Amino acid sequence: VCPEDVSQIFEFRRQGRDWTGYEGLSVSGLDVVFENYM
């Protein structure tokens, strides 16, 4: 899940902590995801 303000992405990524979109995935219909992280 990306920061709402994408200009914050560099400082966001430097802390090395990414949020996973569990809520969105729960309604995606997906059974398997080849997850490539960032």
PDB file of all heavy atoms in Angstrom:
ATOM      1  N   VAL A   1       0.861  -1.186   0.000  1.00  0.00           N
ATOM      2  CA  VAL A   1       0.000   0.000   0.000  1.00  0.00           C
ATOM      3  C   VAL A   1       0.892   1.229   0.000  1.00  0.00           C
ATOM      4  O   VAL A   1       1.705   1.439   0.908  1.00  0.00           O
ATOM      5  CB  VAL A   1      -0.935   0.020   1.219  1.00  0.00           C
ATOM      6  CG1 VAL A   1      -1.923   1.178   1.098  1.00  0.00           C
ATOM      7  CG2 VAL A   1      -1.675  -1.305   1.361  1.00  0.00           C
ATOM      8  N   CYS A   2       0.729   2.043  -1.019  1.00  0.00           N
ATOM      9  CA  CYS A   2       1.556   3.232  -1.223  1.00  0.00           C
ATOM     10  C   CYS A   2       1.124   4.369  -0.288  1.00  0.00           C
ATOM     11  O   CYS A   2      -0.053   4.471   0.063  1.00  0.00           O
ATOM     12  CB  CYS A   2       1.384   3.659  -2.685  1.00  0.00           C
ATOM     13  SG  CYS A   2       2.311   5.114  -3.155  1.00  0.00           S
ATOM     14  N   PRO A   3       2.033   5.234   0.120  1.00  0.00           N
ATOM     15  CA  PRO A   3       1.610   6.436   0.842  1.00  0.00           C
ATOM     16  C   PRO A   3       0.615   7.240   0.013  1.00  0.00           C
ATOM     17  O   PRO A   3       0.709   7.287  -1.226  1.00  0.00           O
ATOM     18  CB  PRO A   3       2.914   7.214   1.039  1.00  0.00           C
ATOM     19  CG  PRO A   3       3.997   6.202   0.934  1.00  0.00           C
ATOM     20  CD  PRO A   3       3.501   5.178  -0.045  1.00  0.00           C
ATOM     21  N   GLU A   4      -0.329   7.845   0.688  1.00  0.00           N
ATOM     22  CA  GLU A   4      -1.312   8.681  -0.005  1.00  0.00           C
ATOM     23  C   GLU A   4      -0.630   9.785  -0.789  1.00  0.00           C
ATOM     24  O   GLU A   4      -1.014  10.111  -1.915  1.00  0.00           O
ATOM     25  CB  GLU A   4      -2.269   9.259   1.041  1.00  0.00           C
ATOM     26  CG  GLU A   4      -3.513   9.893   0.478  1.00  0.00           C
ATOM     27  CD  GLU A   4      -4.458  10.272   1.596  1.00  0.00           C
ATOM     28  OE1 GLU A   4      -4.112  11.161   2.398  1.00  0.00           O
ATOM     29  OE2 GLU A   4      -5.544   9.661   1.682  1.00  0.00           O
ATOM     30  N   ASP A   5       0.406  10.369  -0.212  1.00  0.00           N
ATOM     31  CA  ASP A   5       1.219  11.392  -0.875  1.00  0.00           C
ATOM     32  C   ASP A   5       2.453  10.693  -1.440  1.00  0.00           C
ATOM     33  O   ASP A   5       3.388  10.358  -0.702  1.00  0.00           O
ATOM     34  CB  ASP A   5       1.620  12.475   0.129  1.00  0.00           C
ATOM     35  CG  ASP A   5       2.497  13.565  -0.481  1.00  0.00           C
ATOM     36  OD1 ASP A   5       2.850  13.461  -1.674  1.00  0.00           O
ATOM     37  OD2 ASP A   5       2.847  14.513   0.260  1.00  0.00           O
ATOM     38  N   VAL A   6       2.466  10.450  -2.758  1.00  0.00           N
ATOM     39  CA  VAL A   6       3.553   9.649  -3.342  1.00  0.00           C
ATOM     40  C   VAL A   6       4.907  10.337  -3.246  1.00  0.00           C
ATOM     41  O   VAL A   6       5.939   9.674  -3.349  1.00  0.00           O
ATOM     42  CB  VAL A   6       3.260   9.287  -4.821  1.00  0.00           C
ATOM     43  CG1 VAL A   6       2.092   8.331  -4.924  1.00  0.00           C
ATOM     44  CG2 VAL A   6       3.029  10.527  -5.667  1.00  0.00           C
ATOM     45  N   SER A   7       4.916  11.658  -3.017  1.00  0.00           N
ATOM     46  CA  SER A   7       6.198  12.354  -2.869  1.00  0.00           C
ATOM     47  C   SER A   7       6.931  11.917  -1.603  1.00  0.00           C
ATOM     48  O   SER A   7       8.129  12.164  -1.448  1.00  0.00           O
ATOM     49  CB  SER A   7       5.994  13.870  -2.859  1.00  0.00           C
ATOM     50  OG  SER A   7       5.366  14.293  -1.666  1.00  0.00           O
ATOM     51  N   GLN A   8       6.229  11.227  -0.696  1.00  0.00           N
ATOM     52  CA  GLN A   8       6.852  10.737   0.535  1.00  0.00           C
ATOM     53  C   GLN A   8       7.485   9.359   0.369  1.00  0.00           C
ATOM     54  O   GLN A   8       8.020   8.808   1.336  1.00  0.00           O
ATOM     55  CB  GLN A   8       5.801  10.669   1.648  1.00  0.00           C
ATOM     56  CG  GLN A   8       5.204  12.002   2.059  1.00  0.00           C
ATOM     57  CD  GLN A   8       4.138  11.837   3.137  1.00  0.00           C
ATOM     58  OE1 GLN A   8       3.383  10.863   3.138  1.00  0.00           O
ATOM     59  NE2 GLN A   8       4.084  12.790   4.059  1.00  0.00           N
ATOM     60  N   ILE A   9       7.445   8.818  -0.830  1.00  0.00           N
ATOM     61  CA  ILE A   9       7.828   7.415  -1.010  1.00  0.00           C
ATOM     62  C   ILE A   9       9.285   7.152  -0.659  1.00  0.00           C
ATOM     63  O   ILE A   9       9.628   6.093  -0.130  1.00  0.00           O
ATOM     64  CB  ILE A   9       7.519   6.920  -2.453  1.00  0.00           C
ATOM     65  CG1 ILE A   9       7.672   5.398  -2.567  1.00  0.00           C
ATOM     66  CG2 ILE A   9       8.377   7.640  -3.475  1.00  0.00           C
ATOM     67  CD1 ILE A   9       6.687   4.604  -1.751  1.00  0.00           C
ATOM     68  N   PHE A  10      10.189   8.108  -0.912  1.00  0.00           N
ATOM     69  CA  PHE A  10      11.599   7.857  -0.613  1.00  0.00           C
ATOM     70  C   PHE A  10      11.830   7.711   0.886  1.00  0.00           C
ATOM     71  O   PHE A  10      12.474   6.767   1.341  1.00  0.00           O
ATOM     72  CB  PHE A  10      12.475   8.963  -1.204  1.00  0.00           C
ATOM     73  CG  PHE A  10      12.681   8.843  -2.684  1.00  0.00           C
ATOM     74  CD1 PHE A  10      11.923   9.602  -3.568  1.00  0.00           C
ATOM     75  CD2 PHE A  10      13.620   7.968  -3.205  1.00  0.00           C
ATOM     76  CE1 PHE A  10      12.091   9.483  -4.935  1.00  0.00           C
ATOM     77  CE2 PHE A  10      13.809   7.843  -4.575  1.00  0.00           C
ATOM     78  CZ  PHE A  10      13.038   8.601  -5.445  1.00  0.00           C
ATOM     79  N   GLU A  11      11.305   8.641   1.682  1.00  0.00           N
ATOM     80  CA  GLU A  11      11.483   8.525   3.127  1.00  0.00           C
ATOM     81  C   GLU A  11      10.702   7.329   3.667  1.00  0.00           C
ATOM     82  O   GLU A  11      11.140   6.662   4.609  1.00  0.00           O
ATOM     83  CB  GLU A  11      11.058   9.821   3.835  1.00  0.00           C
ATOM     84  CG  GLU A  11       9.634  10.250   3.586  1.00  0.00           C
ATOM     85  CD  GLU A  11       9.321  11.581   4.266  1.00  0.00           C
ATOM     86  OE1 GLU A  11       8.922  11.552   5.450  1.00  0.00           O
ATOM     87  OE2 GLU A  11       9.446  12.631   3.605  1.00  0.00           O
ATOM     88  N   PHE A  12       9.545   7.044   3.067  1.00  0.00           N
ATOM     89  CA  PHE A  12       8.738   5.886   3.463  1.00  0.00           C
ATOM     90  C   PHE A  12       9.522   4.596   3.251  1.00  0.00           C
ATOM     91  O   PHE A  12       9.572   3.716   4.123  1.00  0.00           O
ATOM     92  CB  PHE A  12       7.447   5.883   2.643  1.00  0.00           C
ATOM     93  CG  PHE A  12       6.545   4.705   2.885  1.00  0.00           C
ATOM     94  CD1 PHE A  12       5.704   4.669   3.981  1.00  0.00           C
ATOM     95  CD2 PHE A  12       6.518   3.647   1.985  1.00  0.00           C
ATOM     96  CE1 PHE A  12       4.859   3.583   4.205  1.00  0.00           C
ATOM     97  CE2 PHE A  12       5.676   2.564   2.190  1.00  0.00           C
ATOM     98  CZ  PHE A  12       4.846   2.534   3.303  1.00  0.00           C
ATOM     99  N   ARG A  13      10.161   4.475   2.095  1.00  0.00           N
ATOM    100  CA  ARG A  13      10.894   3.250   1.787  1.00  0.00           C
ATOM    101  C   ARG A  13      12.169   3.117   2.622  1.00  0.00           C
ATOM    102  O   ARG A  13      12.627   2.011   2.893  1.00  0.00           O
ATOM    103  CB  ARG A  13      11.254   3.213   0.294  1.00  0.00           C
ATOM    104  CG  ARG A  13      10.087   2.958  -0.638  1.00  0.00           C
ATOM    105  CD  ARG A  13       9.480   1.574  -0.410  1.00  0.00           C
ATOM    106  NE  ARG A  13      10.375   0.508  -0.821  1.00  0.00           N
ATOM    107  CZ  ARG A  13      10.691  -0.545  -0.078  1.00  0.00           C
ATOM    108  NH1 ARG A  13      10.205  -0.687   1.126  1.00  0.00           N
ATOM    109  NH2 ARG A  13      11.499  -1.476  -0.541  1.00  0.00           N
ATOM    110  N   ARG A  14      12.753   4.242   3.030  1.00  0.00           N
ATOM    111  CA  ARG A  14      14.003   4.157   3.801  1.00  0.00           C
ATOM    112  C   ARG A  14      13.810   3.501   5.160  1.00  0.00           C
ATOM    113  O   ARG A  14      14.760   2.973   5.726  1.00  0.00           O
ATOM    114  CB  ARG A  14      14.615   5.558   3.975  1.00  0.00           C
ATOM    115  CG  ARG A  14      15.365   6.021   2.740  1.00  0.00           C
ATOM    116  CD  ARG A  14      16.201   7.261   2.980  1.00  0.00           C
ATOM    117  NE  ARG A  14      16.499   7.874   1.705  1.00  0.00           N
ATOM    118  CZ  ARG A  14      15.868   8.927   1.204  1.00  0.00           C
ATOM    119  NH1 ARG A  14      14.896   9.502   1.907  1.00  0.00           N
ATOM    120  NH2 ARG A  14      16.190   9.416   0.033  1.00  0.00           N
ATOM    121  N   GLN A  15      12.591   3.547   5.693  1.00  0.00           N
ATOM    122  CA  GLN A  15      12.391   2.871   6.980  1.00  0.00           C
ATOM    123  C   GLN A  15      12.209   1.362   6.798  1.00  0.00           C
ATOM    124  O   GLN A  15      12.180   0.615   7.770  1.00  0.00           O
ATOM    125  CB  GLN A  15      11.219   3.483   7.740  1.00  0.00           C
ATOM    126  CG  GLN A  15       9.841   3.147   7.207  1.00  0.00           C
ATOM    127  CD  GLN A  15       8.728   3.618   8.159  1.00  0.00           C
ATOM    128  OE1 GLN A  15       8.969   3.946   9.313  1.00  0.00           O
ATOM    129  NE2 GLN A  15       7.512   3.650   7.652  1.00  0.00           N
ATOM    130  N   GLY A  16      12.120   0.921   5.547  1.00  0.00           N
ATOM    131  CA  GLY A  16      12.104  -0.516   5.274  1.00  0.00           C
ATOM    132  C   GLY A  16      10.892  -1.237   5.817  1.00  0.00           C
ATOM    133  O   GLY A  16      10.988  -2.390   6.242  1.00  0.00           O
ATOM    134  N   ARG A  17       9.728  -0.612   5.742  1.00  0.00           N
ATOM    135  CA  ARG A  17       8.527  -1.232   6.299  1.00  0.00           C
ATOM    136  C   ARG A  17       7.362  -0.980   5.350  1.00  0.00           C
ATOM    137  O   ARG A  17       6.864   0.134   5.261  1.00  0.00           O
ATOM    138  CB  ARG A  17       8.247  -0.646   7.684  1.00  0.00           C
ATOM    139  CG  ARG A  17       7.159  -1.380   8.458  1.00  0.00           C
ATOM    140  CD  ARG A  17       6.994  -0.795   9.854  1.00  0.00           C
ATOM    141  NE  ARG A  17       8.174  -0.981  10.681  1.00  0.00           N
ATOM    142  CZ  ARG A  17       8.492  -2.099  11.332  1.00  0.00           C
ATOM    143  NH1 ARG A  17       7.679  -3.151  11.240  1.00  0.00           N
ATOM    144  NH2 ARG A  17       9.570  -2.184  12.074  1.00  0.00           N
ATOM    145  N   ASP A  18       6.946  -2.010   4.630  1.00  0.00           N
ATOM    146  CA  ASP A  18       5.844  -1.888   3.670  1.00  0.00           C
ATOM    147  C   ASP A  18       4.581  -2.538   4.209  1.00  0.00           C
ATOM    148  O   ASP A  18       4.622  -3.631   4.776  1.00  0.00           O
ATOM    149  CB  ASP A  18       6.210  -2.553   2.339  1.00  0.00           C
ATOM    150  CG  ASP A  18       7.051  -1.647   1.456  1.00  0.00           C
ATOM    151  OD1 ASP A  18       7.028  -0.429   1.680  1.00  0.00           O
ATOM    152  OD2 ASP A  18       7.721  -2.176   0.555  1.00  0.00           O
ATOM    153  N   TRP A  19       3.461  -1.858   4.000  1.00  0.00           N
ATOM    154  CA  TRP A  19       2.154  -2.378   4.378  1.00  0.00           C
ATOM    155  C   TRP A  19       1.588  -3.225   3.243  1.00  0.00           C
ATOM    156  O   TRP A  19       1.713  -2.877   2.064  1.00  0.00           O
ATOM    157  CB  TRP A  19       1.196  -1.217   4.664  1.00  0.00           C
ATOM    158  CG  TRP A  19       1.238  -0.708   6.068  1.00  0.00           C
ATOM    159  CD1 TRP A  19       0.230  -0.779   6.986  1.00  0.00           C
ATOM    160  CD2 TRP A  19       2.329  -0.046   6.728  1.00  0.00           C
ATOM    161  NE1 TRP A  19       0.632  -0.210   8.179  1.00  0.00           N
ATOM    162  CE2 TRP A  19       1.918   0.251   8.055  1.00  0.00           C
ATOM    163  CE3 TRP A  19       3.622   0.309   6.348  1.00  0.00           C
ATOM    164  CZ2 TRP A  19       2.729   0.883   8.978  1.00  0.00           C
ATOM    165  CZ3 TRP A  19       4.446   0.939   7.260  1.00  0.00           C
ATOM    166  CH2 TRP A  19       3.991   1.225   8.555  1.00  0.00           C
ATOM    167  N   THR A  20       0.955  -4.338   3.567  1.00  0.00           N
ATOM    168  CA  THR A  20       0.314  -5.226   2.601  1.00  0.00           C
ATOM    169  C   THR A  20      -1.178  -4.922   2.558  1.00  0.00           C
ATOM    170  O   THR A  20      -1.802  -4.709   3.602  1.00  0.00           O
ATOM    171  CB  THR A  20       0.533  -6.700   2.996  1.00  0.00           C
ATOM    172  OG1 THR A  20       1.937  -6.963   3.058  1.00  0.00           O
ATOM    173  CG2 THR A  20      -0.112  -7.642   1.990  1.00  0.00           C
ATOM    174  N   GLY A  21      -1.756  -4.915   1.356  1.00  0.00           N
ATOM    175  CA  GLY A  21      -3.164  -4.567   1.199  1.00  0.00           C
ATOM    176  C   GLY A  21      -4.100  -5.734   1.472  1.00  0.00           C
ATOM    177  O   GLY A  21      -4.815  -6.192   0.568  1.00  0.00           O
ATOM    178  N   TYR A  22      -4.145  -6.179   2.708  1.00  0.00           N
ATOM    179  CA  TYR A  22      -4.965  -7.346   3.053  1.00  0.00           C
ATOM    180  C   TYR A  22      -6.451  -7.112   2.772  1.00  0.00           C
ATOM    181  O   TYR A  22      -7.144  -7.996   2.254  1.00  0.00           O
ATOM    182  CB  TYR A  22      -4.787  -7.713   4.528  1.00  0.00           C
ATOM    183  CG  TYR A  22      -3.385  -8.092   4.910  1.00  0.00           C
ATOM    184  CD1 TYR A  22      -2.645  -7.303   5.793  1.00  0.00           C
ATOM    185  CD2 TYR A  22      -2.788  -9.245   4.412  1.00  0.00           C
ATOM    186  CE1 TYR A  22      -1.350  -7.646   6.158  1.00  0.00           C
ATOM    187  CE2 TYR A  22      -1.496  -9.601   4.767  1.00  0.00           C
ATOM    188  CZ  TYR A  22      -0.775  -8.788   5.639  1.00  0.00           C
ATOM    189  OH  TYR A  22       0.501  -9.132   5.996  1.00  0.00           O
ATOM    190  N   GLU A  23      -6.935  -5.931   3.117  1.00  0.00           N
ATOM    191  CA  GLU A  23      -8.355  -5.641   2.888  1.00  0.00           C
ATOM    192  C   GLU A  23      -8.684  -5.747   1.405  1.00  0.00           C
ATOM    193  O   GLU A  23      -9.663  -6.391   1.006  1.00  0.00           O
ATOM    194  CB  GLU A  23      -8.697  -4.246   3.403  1.00  0.00           C
ATOM    195  CG  GLU A  23     -10.153  -3.852   3.178  1.00  0.00           C
ATOM    196  CD  GLU A  23     -10.450  -2.406   3.547  1.00  0.00           C
ATOM    197  OE1 GLU A  23      -9.501  -1.640   3.802  1.00  0.00           O
ATOM    198  OE2 GLU A  23     -11.645  -2.046   3.553  1.00  0.00           O
ATOM    199  N   GLY A  24      -7.872  -5.117   0.575  1.00  0.00           N
ATOM    200  CA  GLY A  24      -8.106  -5.184  -0.862  1.00  0.00           C
ATOM    201  C   GLY A  24      -7.976  -6.591  -1.405  1.00  0.00           C
ATOM    202  O   GLY A  24      -8.783  -7.038  -2.230  1.00  0.00           O
ATOM    203  N   LEU A  25      -6.973  -7.317  -0.934  1.00  0.00           N
ATOM    204  CA  LEU A  25      -6.772  -8.679  -1.416  1.00  0.00           C
ATOM    205  C   LEU A  25      -7.930  -9.588  -1.054  1.00  0.00           C
ATOM    206  O   LEU A  25      -8.243 -10.531  -1.789  1.00  0.00           O
ATOM    207  CB  LEU A  25      -5.470  -9.247  -0.835  1.00  0.00           C
ATOM    208  CG  LEU A  25      -4.181  -8.714  -1.463  1.00  0.00           C
ATOM    209  CD1 LEU A  25      -2.980  -9.131  -0.634  1.00  0.00           C
ATOM    210  CD2 LEU A  25      -4.033  -9.207  -2.892  1.00  0.00           C
ATOM    211  N   SER A  26      -8.589  -9.316   0.055  1.00  0.00           N
ATOM    212  CA  SER A  26      -9.679 -10.186   0.494  1.00  0.00           C
ATOM    213  C   SER A  26     -10.853 -10.186  -0.475  1.00  0.00           C
ATOM    214  O   SER A  26     -11.665 -11.114  -0.467  1.00  0.00           O
ATOM    215  CB  SER A  26     -10.152  -9.775   1.895  1.00  0.00           C
ATOM    216  OG  SER A  26     -10.868  -8.548   1.868  1.00  0.00           O
ATOM    217  N   VAL A  27     -10.952  -9.173  -1.316  1.00  0.00           N
ATOM    218  CA  VAL A  27     -12.049  -9.110  -2.295  1.00  0.00           C
ATOM    219  C   VAL A  27     -11.539  -9.224  -3.734  1.00  0.00           C
ATOM    220  O   VAL A  27     -12.274  -8.953  -4.677  1.00  0.00           O
ATOM    221  CB  VAL A  27     -12.866  -7.804  -2.123  1.00  0.00           C
ATOM    222  CG1 VAL A  27     -13.498  -7.763  -0.746  1.00  0.00           C
ATOM    223  CG2 VAL A  27     -12.013  -6.560  -2.361  1.00  0.00           C
ATOM    224  N   SER A  28     -10.278  -9.626  -3.905  1.00  0.00           N
ATOM    225  CA  SER A  28      -9.665  -9.671  -5.235  1.00  0.00           C
ATOM    226  C   SER A  28     -10.008 -10.929  -6.016  1.00  0.00           C
ATOM    227  O   SER A  28      -9.836 -10.962  -7.240  1.00  0.00           O
ATOM    228  CB  SER A  28      -8.141  -9.583  -5.104  1.00  0.00           C
ATOM    229  OG  SER A  28      -7.624 -10.766  -4.503  1.00  0.00           O
ATOM    230  N   GLY A  29     -10.428 -11.981  -5.326  1.00  0.00           N
ATOM    231  CA  GLY A  29     -10.642 -13.265  -5.980  1.00  0.00           C
ATOM    232  C   GLY A  29      -9.368 -14.046  -6.214  1.00  0.00           C
ATOM    233  O   GLY A  29      -9.415 -15.175  -6.722  1.00  0.00           O
ATOM    234  N   LEU A  30      -8.220 -13.488  -5.849  1.00  0.00           N
ATOM    235  CA  LEU A  30      -6.946 -14.154  -6.091  1.00  0.00           C
ATOM    236  C   LEU A  30      -6.727 -15.292  -5.094  1.00  0.00           C
ATOM    237  O   LEU A  30      -6.984 -15.153  -3.902  1.00  0.00           O
ATOM    238  CB  LEU A  30      -5.796 -13.157  -5.989  1.00  0.00           C
ATOM    239  CG  LEU A  30      -5.627 -12.228  -7.197  1.00  0.00           C
ATOM    240  CD1 LEU A  30      -4.768 -11.019  -6.847  1.00  0.00           C
ATOM    241  CD2 LEU A  30      -5.018 -12.995  -8.373  1.00  0.00           C
ATOM    242  N   ASP A  31      -6.215 -16.409  -5.613  1.00  0.00           N
ATOM    243  CA  ASP A  31      -5.838 -17.549  -4.785  1.00  0.00           C
ATOM    244  C   ASP A  31      -4.332 -17.616  -4.573  1.00  0.00           C
ATOM    245  O   ASP A  31      -3.863 -18.091  -3.540  1.00  0.00           O
ATOM    246  CB  ASP A  31      -6.287 -18.863  -5.444  1.00  0.00           C
ATOM    247  CG  ASP A  31      -7.789 -18.929  -5.616  1.00  0.00           C
ATOM    248  OD1 ASP A  31      -8.513 -18.743  -4.615  1.00  0.00           O
ATOM    249  OD2 ASP A  31      -8.243 -19.150  -6.752  1.00  0.00           O
ATOM    250  N   VAL A  32      -3.572 -17.168  -5.578  1.00  0.00           N
ATOM    251  CA  VAL A  32      -2.114 -17.212  -5.530  1.00  0.00           C
ATOM    252  C   VAL A  32      -1.570 -15.906  -6.105  1.00  0.00           C
ATOM    253  O   VAL A  32      -2.017 -15.465  -7.173  1.00  0.00           O
ATOM    254  CB  VAL A  32      -1.536 -18.394  -6.342  1.00  0.00           C
ATOM    255  CG1 VAL A  32      -0.030 -18.486  -6.164  1.00  0.00           C
ATOM    256  CG2 VAL A  32      -2.211 -19.712  -5.959  1.00  0.00           C
ATOM    257  N   VAL A  33      -0.621 -15.308  -5.399  1.00  0.00           N
ATOM    258  CA  VAL A  33       0.030 -14.086  -5.863  1.00  0.00           C
ATOM    259  C   VAL A  33       1.535 -14.316  -5.868  1.00  0.00           C
ATOM    260  O   VAL A  33       2.110 -14.696  -4.841  1.00  0.00           O
ATOM    261  CB  VAL A  33      -0.303 -12.892  -4.942  1.00  0.00           C
ATOM    262  CG1 VAL A  33       0.504 -11.662  -5.359  1.00  0.00           C
ATOM    263  CG2 VAL A  33      -1.792 -12.580  -4.981  1.00  0.00           C
ATOM    264  N   PHE A  34       2.169 -14.104  -6.998  1.00  0.00           N
ATOM    265  CA  PHE A  34       3.631 -14.077  -7.051  1.00  0.00           C
ATOM    266  C   PHE A  34       4.030 -12.662  -6.631  1.00  0.00           C
ATOM    267  O   PHE A  34       3.990 -11.726  -7.420  1.00  0.00           O
ATOM    268  CB  PHE A  34       4.125 -14.428  -8.456  1.00  0.00           C
ATOM    269  CG  PHE A  34       4.040 -15.900  -8.765  1.00  0.00           C
ATOM    270  CD1 PHE A  34       2.805 -16.522  -8.904  1.00  0.00           C
ATOM    271  CD2 PHE A  34       5.186 -16.667  -8.892  1.00  0.00           C
ATOM    272  CE1 PHE A  34       2.707 -17.881  -9.177  1.00  0.00           C
ATOM    273  CE2 PHE A  34       5.100 -18.033  -9.160  1.00  0.00           C
ATOM    274  CZ  PHE A  34       3.862 -18.642  -9.303  1.00  0.00           C
ATOM    275  N   GLU A  35       4.346 -12.539  -5.347  1.00  0.00           N
ATOM    276  CA  GLU A  35       4.583 -11.244  -4.709  1.00  0.00           C
ATOM    277  C   GLU A  35       6.040 -10.834  -4.897  1.00  0.00           C
ATOM    278  O   GLU A  35       6.958 -11.564  -4.504  1.00  0.00           O
ATOM    279  CB  GLU A  35       4.228 -11.329  -3.223  1.00  0.00           C
ATOM    280  CG  GLU A  35       4.622 -10.133  -2.404  1.00  0.00           C
ATOM    281  CD  GLU A  35       3.994  -8.833  -2.891  1.00  0.00           C
ATOM    282  OE1 GLU A  35       2.776  -8.790  -3.140  1.00  0.00           O
ATOM    283  OE2 GLU A  35       4.752  -7.850  -3.019  1.00  0.00           O
ATOM    284  N   ASN A  36       6.246  -9.668  -5.487  1.00  0.00           N
ATOM    285  CA  ASN A  36       7.593  -9.202  -5.816  1.00  0.00           C
ATOM    286  C   ASN A  36       8.103  -8.097  -4.909  1.00  0.00           C
ATOM    287  O   ASN A  36       9.129  -7.492  -5.189  1.00  0.00           O
ATOM    288  CB  ASN A  36       7.635  -8.750  -7.280  1.00  0.00           C
ATOM    289  CG  ASN A  36       7.689  -9.925  -8.230  1.00  0.00           C
ATOM    290  OD1 ASN A  36       8.747 -10.282  -8.721  1.00  0.00           O
ATOM    291  ND2 ASN A  36       6.548 -10.543  -8.479  1.00  0.00           N
ATOM    292  N   TYR A  37       7.378  -7.816  -3.829  1.00  0.00           N
ATOM    293  CA  TYR A  37       7.845  -6.852  -2.846  1.00  0.00           C
ATOM    294  C   TYR A  37       8.255  -5.549  -3.551  1.00  0.00           C
ATOM    295  O   TYR A  37       7.693  -5.209  -4.577  1.00  0.00           O
ATOM    296  CB  TYR A  37       8.946  -7.471  -1.981  1.00  0.00           C
ATOM    297  CG  TYR A  37       8.490  -8.775  -1.363  1.00  0.00           C
ATOM    298  CD1 TYR A  37       8.742 -10.000  -1.987  1.00  0.00           C
ATOM    299  CD2 TYR A  37       7.736  -8.779  -0.201  1.00  0.00           C
ATOM    300  CE1 TYR A  37       8.283 -11.196  -1.439  1.00  0.00           C
ATOM    301  CE2 TYR A  37       7.263  -9.966   0.350  1.00  0.00           C
ATOM    302  CZ  TYR A  37       7.538 -11.165  -0.278  1.00  0.00           C
ATOM    303  OH  TYR A  37       7.068 -12.343   0.246  1.00  0.00           O
ATOM    304  N   MET A  38       9.230  -4.836  -3.019  1.00  0.00           N
ATOM    305  CA  MET A  38       9.621  -3.559  -3.643  1.00  0.00           C
ATOM    306  C   MET A  38      11.136  -3.398  -3.630  1.00  0.00           C
ATOM    307  O   MET A  38      11.672  -2.331  -3.337  1.00  0.00           O
ATOM    308  CB  MET A  38       8.953  -2.395  -2.901  1.00  0.00           C
ATOM    309  CG  MET A  38       7.453  -2.304  -3.080  1.00  0.00           C
ATOM    310  SD  MET A  38       6.941  -1.924  -4.769  1.00  0.00           S
ATOM    311  CE  MET A  38       7.431  -0.201  -4.881  1.00  0.00           C
TER     312      MET A  38
END
